[in-house]
Every structure is written in C-alpha cells, then in structure tokens.
Amino acid sequence: MTRRLPTGTVDQALWFDVAGTPLLGILSLPEQAQVRQRVGVLICVGGPQYRVGSHRQFVLLARRLAAAGYPTLRFDYRGIGDSDGLPRSFTDVSEDISAASKALLDHVVIERMVLWGLCDAASAALLALNRRSSVRGLVLVNPWMRSEASQAATQIKHYYGSRLWSAEFWRKLIRGQLDWRDSIGSLSKSVRIAIRGRQPVSVHADRAEQPFQTRMAKALQSFSGPVLLVLSGNDLTAKEFLEYARSDAAWSGLLDQPRITRVNLLEADHTFSCARWRAWVEDETIRWLAGDADASR
C-alpha cells in the first residue's frame, strides 16, 4: 500500500521476515525520487513502543528526512505494534535490525545506510553493527547506558547536588517538612551502590559475560564510519551516558574521536517533546547527513 502525503513524500507499507516471523515497516520516500539516492536511513525504535514513536516523533522524522531526499524506513520489532512474534529486550533485537536493513536495501538503491536510534534504540543499533556491513553512519540520540551503579552516581551528582543548592529544600528542612533521615538514608544507599559499581569488568572477558555497555563500546571502537551524537540537556539518561563514558575504561577516549560529531540542546527533554525541539533534531540530522554521512566512503 502506498500513500502520497502533502509533505511531498510517499509512505509505503512493506513486510519482511525474521526467521519466518513477519515484521511490518513503513518506508518514506521522496515523491520525486532520484534513480539512485546516496544515503538511506533506518530508524530503530526504542522500547517498548512501536514505529510511530512518542508524540509521533518517528513518523514526522521519517517524512522530514524523505522530503530532504533520504529514503527512511521505520518498523516494528517482533512482538511490538503490528509485527508478529514475542517481544524482546533491546539487547536481543539485532536480528530484527539486520532484517530491516536488508528490507531497506531491497526496496531502494542506496550507496550507504545510516542507523538512527533514540535511547535504548541507540544502544541496540550499536549492538547490531556486527550483523550489517552496509551501515556507514550512526545517529545516537540520548543513548541508554543505565546500570544500577551509573544510575546511583548520576543521582548523586545531578539530583542530590542540585537539591543542596535549592532554596526550597532548605526552607522545608528548617520548617521540619522534610524527613532528613530518609534523605540521608537514600543518599547513603546511592553512594554504596555507586562505589560497589566501580569494580572493573575486564574488556577481554567472553562477549557473553560482558555488560551491554562494554559491548556497545567495542562496537563503536570497531566502527569506522561517522557518528552524530545528539544529547538533551534536561535528561538524566543523557547525563548518565556521559558519566558512564567518562568513568568506564572501555569507553575511555571514544567520544573524543573527530569522526564523532556531538550536538546538545540544553533545554530539551529525553524525547524532544515540543515542536521546536523536534525540529532541531530533524535539522541537525539533515545537516549531518548532507555533510559527514554523505561524504563518507
């Protein structure tokens, strides 16, 4: 089924299989498609949600990219939305991403492919890299790196730290409206978890024994293509990602490589939930696609 849209794009529904299980995708194309596009985009969805995304984010993104000349496919993992099968964790969707990559290549003739992912979809895109040699670029938006220890460390720095500078906190404390014993107990627990979590995990351990964060780092290290890292300033997930990358040996220096372009929107929340923030992400993606991604070989 094909649907023409006022945006000058066409949405086309397509089915593809993963180990015999049918998955549904929506391919957005420029209405006046060139015979051969240079770059195509596969949007990997964070879970558990389907191909539309929060506040229709992925629908709008796909059509905006298609209008700019980039064929874009968004799809449902197994067990999500209109796809059959059983739902699974973001660490276990590499086969789904690989099959969607093949479906994109089967339906449009492109020279290189970019994976675009938000939150744990960014993490899933990295974990799926070894399955698709056709991927030449990555857009990683507020990647998910959470562990119990990293969550505790982020809370200590960004939650408890900000509370100490809050006038409202001190007013409640002075008036006896705050259970300071409970607050101290929560802070102490976070400190213990953060310290315990700093015990190193060998990057040379068997892959199955490595945490997903280490496997993400190794995938990024092995990947030679350009990367756009998009971060929200008002998002603990983004802050947690940066904290983890700064403190973990496997991530040491990875984000400082010149092939990684980092852009930040300080006031934005995790999903860029207003029209201005969403448009900013679209603009930054298109600017990067037209530059680093399109120029990569």
Protein backbone atom coordinates (compact mmCIF):
# COMPACT_ATOMS: atom_id res chain seq x y z
CA MET A 1 0.00 0.00 0.00
CA THR A 2 1.33 3.46 -0.97
CA ARG A 3 0.14 6.80 0.39
CA ARG A 4 1.06 10.20 -1.04
CA LEU A 5 1.38 13.00 1.51
CA PRO A 6 1.21 16.82 1.45
CA THR A 7 4.89 16.87 2.50
CA GLY A 8 5.93 15.80 -1.00
CA THR A 9 6.70 12.31 0.23
CA VAL A 10 5.24 8.83 -0.18
CA ASP A 11 4.69 6.30 2.61
CA GLN A 12 4.82 2.66 1.54
CA ALA A 13 3.95 -0.28 3.82
CA LEU A 14 6.10 -3.36 3.45
CA TRP A 15 6.52 -6.73 5.13
CA PHE A 16 9.74 -8.62 5.74
CA ASP A 17 10.68 -11.73 7.72
CA VAL A 18 12.90 -12.53 10.68
CA ALA A 19 13.36 -16.28 10.99
CA GLY A 20 9.91 -16.80 9.48
CA THR A 21 8.21 -14.13 11.61
CA PRO A 22 6.63 -11.26 9.59
CA LEU A 23 7.55 -7.69 10.58
CA LEU A 24 5.86 -4.52 9.35
CA GLY A 25 7.77 -1.48 8.17
CA ILE A 26 6.82 1.91 6.72
CA LEU A 27 9.14 3.26 4.04
CA SER A 28 9.04 7.03 3.48
CA LEU A 29 10.31 8.14 0.06
CA PRO A 30 10.71 11.42 -1.79
CA GLU A 31 7.75 11.65 -4.21
CA GLN A 32 10.11 12.71 -6.99
CA ALA A 33 12.67 10.03 -6.15
CA GLN A 34 16.03 10.09 -7.85
CA VAL A 35 17.10 6.95 -9.70
CA ARG A 36 19.80 6.43 -7.09
CA GLN A 37 19.88 8.03 -3.64
CA ARG A 38 23.21 8.20 -1.88
CA VAL A 39 22.05 7.73 1.72
CA GLY A 40 19.14 5.87 3.30
CA VAL A 41 18.10 5.92 6.97
CA LEU A 42 16.80 3.09 9.16
CA ILE A 43 15.05 4.34 12.30
CA CYS A 44 15.44 1.86 15.16
CA VAL A 45 12.66 2.25 17.70
CA GLY A 46 13.25 2.30 21.46
CA GLY A 47 11.11 0.03 23.51
CA PRO A 48 8.62 -0.88 24.38
CA GLN A 49 6.98 1.25 21.68
CA TYR A 50 6.10 0.83 18.02
CA ARG A 51 7.13 2.58 14.83
CA VAL A 52 5.17 5.81 15.41
CA GLY A 53 7.19 6.86 18.47
CA SER A 54 6.35 9.25 21.31
CA HIS A 55 4.22 12.20 20.08
CA ARG A 56 4.52 10.77 16.52
CA GLN A 57 8.22 11.59 16.59
CA PHE A 58 9.37 8.87 14.17
CA VAL A 59 6.55 9.48 11.69
CA LEU A 60 7.44 13.15 11.47
CA LEU A 61 11.18 12.47 11.39
CA ALA A 62 10.89 9.88 8.59
CA ARG A 63 8.78 12.16 6.41
CA ARG A 64 11.07 15.14 7.01
CA LEU A 65 14.12 13.09 6.05
CA ALA A 66 12.36 11.73 2.97
CA ALA A 67 11.38 15.26 1.92
CA ALA A 68 15.08 16.18 2.19
CA GLY A 69 15.93 13.30 -0.17
CA TYR A 70 16.75 10.48 2.26
CA PRO A 71 14.62 7.29 1.97
CA THR A 72 13.74 6.30 5.54
CA LEU A 73 12.37 3.06 6.98
CA ARG A 74 10.81 2.70 10.43
CA PHE A 75 9.49 -0.65 11.61
CA ASP A 76 8.10 -2.75 14.46
CA TYR A 77 10.29 -5.29 16.22
CA ARG A 78 8.94 -8.78 16.79
CA GLY A 79 6.12 -8.71 19.35
CA ILE A 80 5.58 -4.94 19.03
CA GLY A 81 2.92 -2.99 17.12
CA ASP A 82 1.78 -4.88 14.02
CA SER A 83 4.65 -7.37 13.91
CA ASP A 84 4.17 -10.98 14.98
CA GLY A 85 6.27 -12.90 17.48
CA LEU A 86 7.27 -12.42 21.10
CA PRO A 87 8.59 -9.10 22.47
CA ARG A 88 12.24 -8.95 23.46
CA SER A 89 14.80 -6.69 25.13
CA PHE A 90 16.81 -4.06 23.25
CA THR A 91 19.84 -6.30 23.73
CA ASP A 92 18.12 -9.01 21.66
CA VAL A 93 16.83 -7.20 18.56
CA SER A 94 19.95 -7.37 16.38
CA GLU A 95 18.27 -9.88 14.05
CA ASP A 96 15.30 -7.55 13.65
CA ILE A 97 17.53 -4.58 12.81
CA SER A 98 19.53 -6.69 10.37
CA ALA A 99 16.37 -7.84 8.60
CA ALA A 100 15.05 -4.27 8.41
CA SER A 101 18.40 -3.13 6.97
CA LYS A 102 18.09 -5.76 4.25
CA ALA A 103 14.49 -4.71 3.56
CA LEU A 104 15.61 -1.11 3.04
CA LEU A 105 18.35 -2.21 0.66
CA ASP A 106 15.90 -4.45 -1.20
CA HIS A 107 13.47 -1.58 -1.84
CA VAL A 108 15.75 1.37 -2.60
CA VAL A 109 19.11 1.60 -4.33
CA ILE A 110 21.41 3.49 -1.98
CA GLU A 111 25.15 3.76 -1.58
CA ARG A 112 25.24 3.85 2.21
CA MET A 113 22.94 3.32 5.17
CA VAL A 114 22.61 5.21 8.46
CA LEU A 115 21.05 3.79 11.64
CA TRP A 116 19.12 6.34 13.75
CA GLY A 117 18.16 5.45 17.32
CA LEU A 118 16.86 7.15 20.46
CA CYS A 119 17.54 5.85 23.99
CA ASP A 120 17.85 2.05 24.07
CA ALA A 121 17.37 2.01 20.28
CA ALA A 122 20.71 3.83 20.00
CA SER A 123 22.21 1.11 22.18
CA ALA A 124 20.52 -1.59 20.08
CA ALA A 125 21.89 -0.02 16.88
CA LEU A 126 25.43 -0.27 18.22
CA LEU A 127 24.91 -3.86 19.35
CA ALA A 128 23.61 -4.77 15.86
CA LEU A 129 26.55 -3.32 13.94
CA ASN A 130 28.43 -6.59 13.50
CA ARG A 131 25.49 -8.01 11.52
CA ARG A 132 25.34 -5.35 8.78
CA SER A 133 28.48 -4.30 6.91
CA SER A 134 26.32 -1.95 4.81
CA VAL A 135 25.93 0.52 7.69
CA ARG A 136 28.13 3.57 7.10
CA GLY A 137 26.86 6.01 9.73
CA LEU A 138 25.11 6.26 13.09
CA VAL A 139 22.85 8.81 14.77
CA LEU A 140 22.79 8.09 18.50
CA VAL A 141 20.26 10.14 20.48
CA ASN A 142 20.45 10.08 24.30
CA PRO A 143 21.85 6.52 24.33
CA TRP A 144 20.83 4.18 27.14
CA MET A 145 23.77 3.09 29.33
CA ARG A 146 21.98 2.55 32.62
CA SER A 147 23.26 0.25 35.31
CA GLU A 148 22.38 0.30 38.99
CA ALA A 149 25.74 1.93 39.73
CA SER A 150 25.57 4.54 36.97
CA GLN A 151 22.05 5.48 38.00
CA ALA A 152 23.21 5.96 41.58
CA ALA A 153 26.22 8.06 40.54
CA THR A 154 24.03 10.25 38.31
CA GLN A 155 21.51 10.77 41.09
CA ILE A 156 24.27 11.80 43.50
CA LYS A 157 25.70 14.37 41.11
CA HIS A 158 22.62 15.76 39.39
CA TYR A 159 19.75 15.15 41.85
CA TYR A 160 21.20 15.40 45.34
CA GLY A 161 23.72 18.01 44.21
CA SER A 162 21.00 20.27 42.79
CA ARG A 163 18.86 19.84 45.92
CA LEU A 164 21.62 21.24 48.11
CA TRP A 165 21.50 24.45 46.06
CA SER A 166 17.69 24.64 46.18
CA ALA A 167 16.20 27.30 48.46
CA GLU A 168 13.00 25.26 48.67
CA PHE A 169 14.97 22.30 50.05
CA TRP A 170 16.43 24.38 52.88
CA ARG A 171 13.07 26.03 53.67
CA LYS A 172 11.44 22.61 54.03
CA LEU A 173 14.33 21.38 56.16
CA ILE A 174 14.14 24.37 58.53
CA ARG A 175 10.36 24.08 58.84
CA GLY A 176 10.60 20.38 59.61
CA GLN A 177 8.68 19.48 56.45
CA LEU A 178 11.42 17.21 55.19
CA ASP A 179 12.30 13.77 56.52
CA TRP A 180 16.08 14.33 56.55
CA ARG A 181 16.72 10.84 57.92
CA ASP A 182 15.06 9.31 54.86
CA SER A 183 17.02 11.63 52.56
CA ILE A 184 20.32 10.73 54.19
CA GLY A 185 19.45 7.05 54.03
CA SER A 186 18.67 7.29 50.29
CA LEU A 187 21.87 9.22 49.65
CA SER A 188 23.95 6.68 51.61
CA LYS A 189 22.41 3.82 49.65
CA SER A 190 23.22 5.56 46.37
CA VAL A 191 26.81 6.14 47.46
CA ARG A 192 27.26 2.47 48.40
CA ILE A 193 25.83 1.30 45.06
CA ALA A 194 27.99 3.76 43.09
CA ILE A 195 31.17 2.68 44.90
CA ARG A 196 30.37 -1.02 44.50
CA GLY A 197 29.70 -0.49 40.82
CA ARG A 198 33.15 0.92 40.19
CA GLN A 199 34.66 -2.55 40.35
CA PRO A 200 36.14 -3.06 36.86
CA VAL A 201 34.89 -5.63 34.36
CA SER A 202 37.55 -6.94 32.01
CA VAL A 203 37.07 -5.84 28.41
CA HIS A 204 38.78 -9.12 27.45
CA ALA A 205 36.12 -11.30 29.08
CA ASP A 206 33.97 -13.53 26.87
CA ARG A 207 31.37 -11.48 25.00
CA ALA A 208 28.51 -13.24 26.79
CA GLU A 209 30.00 -12.20 30.14
CA GLN A 210 30.45 -8.54 29.23
CA PRO A 211 27.79 -5.99 30.17
CA PHE A 212 25.94 -4.47 27.25
CA GLN A 213 27.70 -1.14 27.87
CA THR A 214 31.09 -2.77 27.20
CA ARG A 215 29.77 -4.45 24.06
CA MET A 216 28.48 -1.05 22.89
CA ALA A 217 31.94 0.46 23.41
CA LYS A 218 33.65 -2.32 21.48
CA ALA A 219 31.16 -1.95 18.62
CA LEU A 220 31.74 1.81 18.45
CA GLN A 221 35.50 1.30 18.57
CA SER A 222 35.36 -1.15 15.66
CA PHE A 223 33.04 1.05 13.60
CA SER A 224 34.94 3.40 11.27
CA GLY A 225 32.04 5.49 9.96
CA PRO A 226 30.88 8.94 11.08
CA VAL A 227 28.65 9.28 14.15
CA LEU A 228 26.23 12.01 15.20
CA LEU A 229 25.70 12.07 18.98
CA VAL A 230 22.60 14.05 19.96
CA LEU A 231 22.14 14.89 23.64
CA SER A 232 19.40 16.62 25.64
CA GLY A 233 20.45 18.90 28.47
CA ASN A 234 17.36 18.22 30.56
CA ASP A 235 17.60 14.43 30.55
CA LEU A 236 19.09 12.12 33.17
CA THR A 237 19.58 9.38 30.55
CA ALA A 238 21.90 11.66 28.56
CA LYS A 239 23.74 12.72 31.73
CA GLU A 240 24.07 9.09 32.77
CA PHE A 241 25.51 8.21 29.37
CA LEU A 242 28.18 10.89 29.67
CA GLU A 243 29.01 9.94 33.27
CA TYR A 244 29.41 6.29 32.29
CA ALA A 245 31.55 7.13 29.26
CA ARG A 246 33.84 9.32 31.38
CA SER A 247 34.40 6.74 34.11
CA ASP A 248 34.45 3.39 32.27
CA ALA A 249 37.72 2.03 30.87
CA ALA A 250 36.08 0.53 27.77
CA TRP A 251 34.72 3.97 26.81
CA SER A 252 37.91 5.90 27.52
CA GLY A 253 38.54 8.44 24.73
CA LEU A 254 35.88 7.03 22.40
CA LEU A 255 33.72 10.15 22.35
CA ASP A 256 36.72 12.40 21.63
CA GLN A 257 37.35 10.97 18.18
CA PRO A 258 36.99 13.53 15.34
CA ARG A 259 34.55 11.28 13.43
CA ILE A 260 32.03 11.78 16.26
CA THR A 261 30.01 14.98 15.99
CA ARG A 262 28.29 15.97 19.24
CA VAL A 263 25.35 18.37 19.37
CA ASN A 264 23.45 19.42 22.51
CA LEU A 265 20.14 21.17 23.16
CA LEU A 266 20.33 22.27 26.78
CA GLU A 267 16.61 22.78 27.46
CA ALA A 268 15.35 19.66 25.67
CA ASP A 269 13.88 16.63 27.44
CA HIS A 270 14.52 12.98 26.63
CA THR A 271 12.20 12.65 23.60
CA PHE A 272 12.31 16.29 22.35
CA SER A 273 8.63 16.56 23.11
CA CYS A 274 7.81 20.02 21.70
CA ALA A 275 7.73 21.06 18.04
CA ARG A 276 10.77 23.35 18.30
CA TRP A 277 12.95 20.69 19.90
CA ARG A 278 11.78 18.06 17.43
CA ALA A 279 12.54 20.37 14.50
CA TRP A 280 16.01 20.99 15.93
CA VAL A 281 16.76 17.24 15.94
CA GLU A 282 15.49 16.93 12.37
CA ASP A 283 17.59 19.90 11.25
CA GLU A 284 20.74 18.58 12.93
CA THR A 285 20.21 15.12 11.42
CA ILE A 286 19.74 16.51 7.91
CA ARG A 287 22.74 18.83 8.25
CA TRP A 288 24.91 15.89 9.34
CA LEU A 289 23.53 13.58 6.63
CA ALA A 290 24.32 16.16 3.96
CA GLY A 291 27.83 16.59 5.34
CA ASP A 292 29.64 13.81 7.20
CA ALA A 293 27.34 10.90 6.28
CA ASP A 294 27.08 11.76 2.58
CA ALA A 295 30.80 12.42 2.27
CA SER A 296 31.91 9.19 3.99
CA ARG A 297 33.42 6.41 1.94
